[in-house]
Amino acid sequence: MFQGRTPDKGTKQWVKNEKTINENPVLKKARDHTEGFNTSKKNYGSSHGGKGSTQRPTNHQAYADNWDRIFGKKD
């Protein structure tokens, strides 16, 4: 835990520190935790929370076998 004097908000040193903290996910999470932010919903590092462009794993055979049950029989 930091035990020194932190620079006043808005000063050049504060801005420099914030830039360094925001570039490092570990520092960002630690800073947010000490300031009381809910860190469980924030984006830290590689976990961006989105689906991305890769296809989700599926069981193609089960999907094909149950096509009629899912969509109903077509006449």
C-alpha atoms as a PDB file:
ATOM      1  CA  MET A   1       0.000   0.000   0.000  1.00  0.00           C
ATOM      2  CA  PHE A   2       1.215   3.492  -0.845  1.00  0.00           C
ATOM      3  CA  GLN A   3       2.258   5.477   2.210  1.00  0.00           C
ATOM      4  CA  GLY A   4       3.622   8.659   0.664  1.00  0.00           C
ATOM      5  CA  ARG A   5       1.991  11.940  -0.257  1.00  0.00           C
ATOM      6  CA  THR A   6      -0.101  11.838  -3.408  1.00  0.00           C
ATOM      7  CA  PRO A   7      -0.024  14.832  -5.749  1.00  0.00           C
ATOM      8  CA  ASP A   8      -2.990  17.182  -5.850  1.00  0.00           C
ATOM      9  CA  LYS A   9      -5.614  16.370  -8.445  1.00  0.00           C
ATOM     10  CA  GLY A  10      -5.079  18.190 -11.732  1.00  0.00           C
ATOM     11  CA  THR A  11      -1.350  18.838 -11.298  1.00  0.00           C
ATOM     12  CA  LYS A  12       1.167  17.716 -13.906  1.00  0.00           C
ATOM     13  CA  GLN A  13       2.446  14.937 -11.647  1.00  0.00           C
ATOM     14  CA  TRP A  14      -1.106  13.719 -10.975  1.00  0.00           C
ATOM     15  CA  VAL A  15      -1.842  13.595 -14.730  1.00  0.00           C
ATOM     16  CA  LYS A  16       1.423  11.709 -15.328  1.00  0.00           C
ATOM     17  CA  ASN A  17       0.567   9.213 -12.583  1.00  0.00           C
ATOM     18  CA  GLU A  18      -2.968   8.683 -13.919  1.00  0.00           C
ATOM     19  CA  LYS A  19      -1.611   8.006 -17.406  1.00  0.00           C
ATOM     20  CA  THR A  20       0.791   5.402 -16.033  1.00  0.00           C
ATOM     21  CA  ILE A  21      -1.940   3.807 -13.906  1.00  0.00           C
ATOM     22  CA  ASN A  22      -4.422   3.649 -16.798  1.00  0.00           C
ATOM     23  CA  GLU A  23      -1.877   1.899 -19.035  1.00  0.00           C
ATOM     24  CA  ASN A  24      -1.352  -0.914 -16.508  1.00  0.00           C
ATOM     25  CA  PRO A  25      -4.395  -3.105 -15.689  1.00  0.00           C
ATOM     26  CA  VAL A  26      -2.966  -4.213 -12.336  1.00  0.00           C
ATOM     27  CA  LEU A  27      -2.346  -0.642 -11.172  1.00  0.00           C
ATOM     28  CA  LYS A  28      -5.731   0.456 -12.504  1.00  0.00           C
ATOM     29  CA  LYS A  29      -7.560  -2.273 -10.595  1.00  0.00           C
ATOM     30  CA  ALA A  30      -5.639  -1.506  -7.393  1.00  0.00           C
ATOM     31  CA  ARG A  31      -6.328   2.236  -7.709  1.00  0.00           C
ATOM     32  CA  ASP A  32     -10.034   1.684  -8.333  1.00  0.00           C
ATOM     33  CA  HIS A  33     -10.248  -0.725  -5.403  1.00  0.00           C
ATOM     34  CA  THR A  34      -8.667   1.775  -2.997  1.00  0.00           C
ATOM     35  CA  GLU A  35     -11.012   4.506  -4.229  1.00  0.00           C
ATOM     36  CA  GLY A  36     -14.045   2.294  -3.619  1.00  0.00           C
ATOM     37  CA  PHE A  37     -15.116   1.602  -7.199  1.00  0.00           C
ATOM     38  CA  ASN A  38     -16.876  -1.700  -7.966  1.00  0.00           C
ATOM     39  CA  THR A  39     -14.095  -3.471  -9.854  1.00  0.00           C
ATOM     40  CA  SER A  40     -16.088  -6.583 -10.749  1.00  0.00           C
ATOM     41  CA  LYS A  41     -17.862  -4.847 -13.652  1.00  0.00           C
ATOM     42  CA  LYS A  42     -14.919  -2.921 -15.080  1.00  0.00           C
ATOM     43  CA  ASN A  43     -12.660  -3.808 -17.954  1.00  0.00           C
ATOM     44  CA  TYR A  44      -9.159  -4.714 -16.834  1.00  0.00           C
ATOM     45  CA  GLY A  45      -6.652  -6.022 -19.336  1.00  0.00           C
ATOM     46  CA  SER A  46      -7.433  -8.926 -21.604  1.00  0.00           C
ATOM     47  CA  SER A  47     -10.968  -9.651 -20.423  1.00  0.00           C
ATOM     48  CA  HIS A  48     -13.012  -7.280 -22.542  1.00  0.00           C
ATOM     49  CA  GLY A  49     -16.317  -9.045 -21.954  1.00  0.00           C
ATOM     50  CA  GLY A  50     -17.339  -9.168 -25.606  1.00  0.00           C
ATOM     51  CA  LYS A  51     -17.989 -12.164 -27.837  1.00  0.00           C
ATOM     52  CA  GLY A  52     -15.352 -11.335 -30.410  1.00  0.00           C
ATOM     53  CA  SER A  53     -15.216 -12.633 -33.959  1.00  0.00           C
ATOM     54  CA  THR A  54     -14.692 -16.330 -33.224  1.00  0.00           C
ATOM     55  CA  GLN A  55     -17.645 -18.677 -33.395  1.00  0.00           C
ATOM     56  CA  ARG A  56     -18.879 -20.147 -30.143  1.00  0.00           C
ATOM     57  CA  PRO A  57     -18.453 -23.902 -29.825  1.00  0.00           C
ATOM     58  CA  THR A  58     -21.590 -25.784 -30.923  1.00  0.00           C
ATOM     59  CA  ASN A  59     -22.633 -29.375 -31.345  1.00  0.00           C
ATOM     60  CA  HIS A  60     -23.430 -29.394 -35.065  1.00  0.00           C
ATOM     61  CA  GLN A  61     -24.629 -32.991 -35.101  1.00  0.00           C
ATOM     62  CA  ALA A  62     -27.171 -32.447 -32.293  1.00  0.00           C
ATOM     63  CA  TYR A  63     -28.368 -29.283 -34.038  1.00  0.00           C
ATOM     64  CA  ALA A  64     -28.852 -31.164 -37.314  1.00  0.00           C
ATOM     65  CA  ASP A  65     -30.597 -34.082 -35.569  1.00  0.00           C
ATOM     66  CA  ASN A  66     -33.070 -31.764 -33.820  1.00  0.00           C
ATOM     67  CA  TRP A  67     -33.747 -29.358 -36.699  1.00  0.00           C
ATOM     68  CA  ASP A  68     -37.385 -30.440 -37.019  1.00  0.00           C
ATOM     69  CA  ARG A  69     -37.974 -30.201 -33.277  1.00  0.00           C
ATOM     70  CA  ILE A  70     -36.461 -26.710 -33.167  1.00  0.00           C
ATOM     71  CA  PHE A  71     -38.096 -25.201 -36.265  1.00  0.00           C
ATOM     72  CA  GLY A  72     -41.017 -27.545 -36.935  1.00  0.00           C
ATOM     73  CA  LYS A  73     -41.571 -29.685 -39.988  1.00  0.00           C
ATOM     74  CA  LYS A  74     -41.905 -27.877 -43.283  1.00  0.00           C
ATOM     75  CA  ASP A  75     -44.488 -29.224 -45.727  1.00  0.00           C
END
